[in-house]
C-alpha cells in the first residue's frame, strides 16, 4: 500500500491509501472482485530507436 496526500483547496488535506497490484493500482474495490488498471503508456517502447535507425540508413 502507498499512502498519498490529496491537497484540498480551502480545506484539510486528505490521506488516501492506494493499493497496488502487479497489474497497477486498484481502481474499484467491490466485494466480489478487485479491479486494477495498468497504463501501458508508461512502459518502455522501441519506436524512437526505430526512427533513429531509419535516419541512419544509407541505402
C-alpha atoms as a PDB file:
ATOM      1  CA  UNK A   1       0.000   0.000   0.000  1.00  0.00           C
ATOM      2  CA  UNK A   2       1.068   3.542  -0.755  1.00  0.00           C
ATOM      3  CA  UNK A   3      -0.167   6.439   1.331  1.00  0.00           C
ATOM      4  CA  UNK A   4      -0.886   9.575  -0.715  1.00  0.00           C
ATOM      5  CA  UNK A   5      -1.980  13.008   0.424  1.00  0.00           C
ATOM      6  CA  UNK A   6      -4.599  14.840  -1.615  1.00  0.00           C
ATOM      7  CA  UNK A   7      -4.421  18.596  -1.113  1.00  0.00           C
ATOM      8  CA  UNK A   8      -7.870  20.222  -0.922  1.00  0.00           C
ATOM      9  CA  UNK A   9      -8.258  23.896  -1.779  1.00  0.00           C
ATOM     10  CA  UNK A  10      -9.546  25.842   1.223  1.00  0.00           C
ATOM     11  CA  UNK A  11      -9.749  22.639   3.258  1.00  0.00           C
ATOM     12  CA  UNK A  12      -7.786  19.985   5.066  1.00  0.00           C
ATOM     13  CA  UNK A  13      -5.636  17.545   3.131  1.00  0.00           C
ATOM     14  CA  UNK A  14      -6.997  14.016   2.767  1.00  0.00           C
ATOM     15  CA  UNK A  15      -4.783  10.980   3.289  1.00  0.00           C
ATOM     16  CA  UNK A  16      -5.658   8.105   0.938  1.00  0.00           C
ATOM     17  CA  UNK A  17      -4.245   4.584   0.834  1.00  0.00           C
ATOM     18  CA  UNK A  18      -3.573   3.344  -2.702  1.00  0.00           C
ATOM     19  CA  UNK A  19      -3.442  -0.419  -3.115  1.00  0.00           C
ATOM     20  CA  UNK A  20      -1.253  -1.616  -5.988  1.00  0.00           C
ATOM     21  CA  UNK A  21      -1.077  -4.980  -7.709  1.00  0.00           C
ATOM     22  CA  UNK A  22       1.359  -6.238 -10.336  1.00  0.00           C
ATOM     23  CA  UNK A  23      -1.218  -5.010 -12.875  1.00  0.00           C
ATOM     24  CA  UNK A  24      -1.369  -1.464 -11.471  1.00  0.00           C
ATOM     25  CA  UNK A  25      -3.336   0.437  -8.843  1.00  0.00           C
ATOM     26  CA  UNK A  26      -6.709  -0.848  -7.672  1.00  0.00           C
ATOM     27  CA  UNK A  27      -9.461   1.328  -9.151  1.00  0.00           C
ATOM     28  CA  UNK A  28     -12.507  -0.452  -7.749  1.00  0.00           C
ATOM     29  CA  UNK A  29     -12.927  -2.346  -4.525  1.00  0.00           C
ATOM     30  CA  UNK A  30     -16.088  -4.391  -4.951  1.00  0.00           C
ATOM     31  CA  UNK A  31     -16.995  -7.195  -2.613  1.00  0.00           C
ATOM     32  CA  UNK A  32     -16.843  -9.898  -5.293  1.00  0.00           C
ATOM     33  CA  UNK A  33     -13.780  -8.736  -7.232  1.00  0.00           C
ATOM     34  CA  UNK A  34     -10.987  -6.195  -7.274  1.00  0.00           C
ATOM     35  CA  UNK A  35     -10.245  -4.275 -10.487  1.00  0.00           C
ATOM     36  CA  UNK A  36      -6.854  -2.779 -11.243  1.00  0.00           C
ATOM     37  CA  UNK A  37      -5.689  -0.630 -14.140  1.00  0.00           C
ATOM     38  CA  UNK A  38      -2.391  -0.910 -15.972  1.00  0.00           C
ATOM     39  CA  UNK A  39      -1.369   2.126 -18.033  1.00  0.00           C
ATOM     40  CA  UNK A  40       0.803   0.863 -20.885  1.00  0.00           C
ATOM     41  CA  UNK A  41       1.847   4.384 -21.928  1.00  0.00           C
ATOM     42  CA  UNK A  42       4.396   4.330 -19.092  1.00  0.00           C
ATOM     43  CA  UNK A  43       6.129   1.208 -20.407  1.00  0.00           C
ATOM     44  CA  UNK A  44       9.327   1.492 -22.410  1.00  0.00           C
ATOM     45  CA  UNK A  45       8.983   1.032 -26.183  1.00  0.00           C
ATOM     46  CA  UNK A  46      11.379   0.880 -29.137  1.00  0.00           C
ATOM     47  CA  UNK A  47       9.720   3.320 -31.569  1.00  0.00           C
ATOM     48  CA  UNK A  48      12.334   6.038 -31.045  1.00  0.00           C
ATOM     49  CA  UNK A  49      15.108   3.527 -31.602  1.00  0.00           C
ATOM     50  CA  UNK A  50      13.497   2.516 -34.905  1.00  0.00           C
ATOM     51  CA  UNK A  51      13.241   6.139 -36.088  1.00  0.00           C
ATOM     52  CA  UNK A  52      16.907   6.729 -35.262  1.00  0.00           C
ATOM     53  CA  UNK A  53      17.859   3.601 -37.223  1.00  0.00           C
ATOM     54  CA  UNK A  54      15.795   4.802 -40.213  1.00  0.00           C
ATOM     55  CA  UNK A  55      17.571   8.159 -40.101  1.00  0.00           C
ATOM     56  CA  UNK A  56      20.944   6.377 -40.173  1.00  0.00           C
ATOM     57  CA  UNK A  57      20.014   4.189 -43.175  1.00  0.00           C
ATOM     58  CA  UNK A  58      22.248   4.709 -46.214  1.00  0.00           C
ATOM     59  CA  UNK A  59      20.659   2.571 -48.953  1.00  0.00           C
END
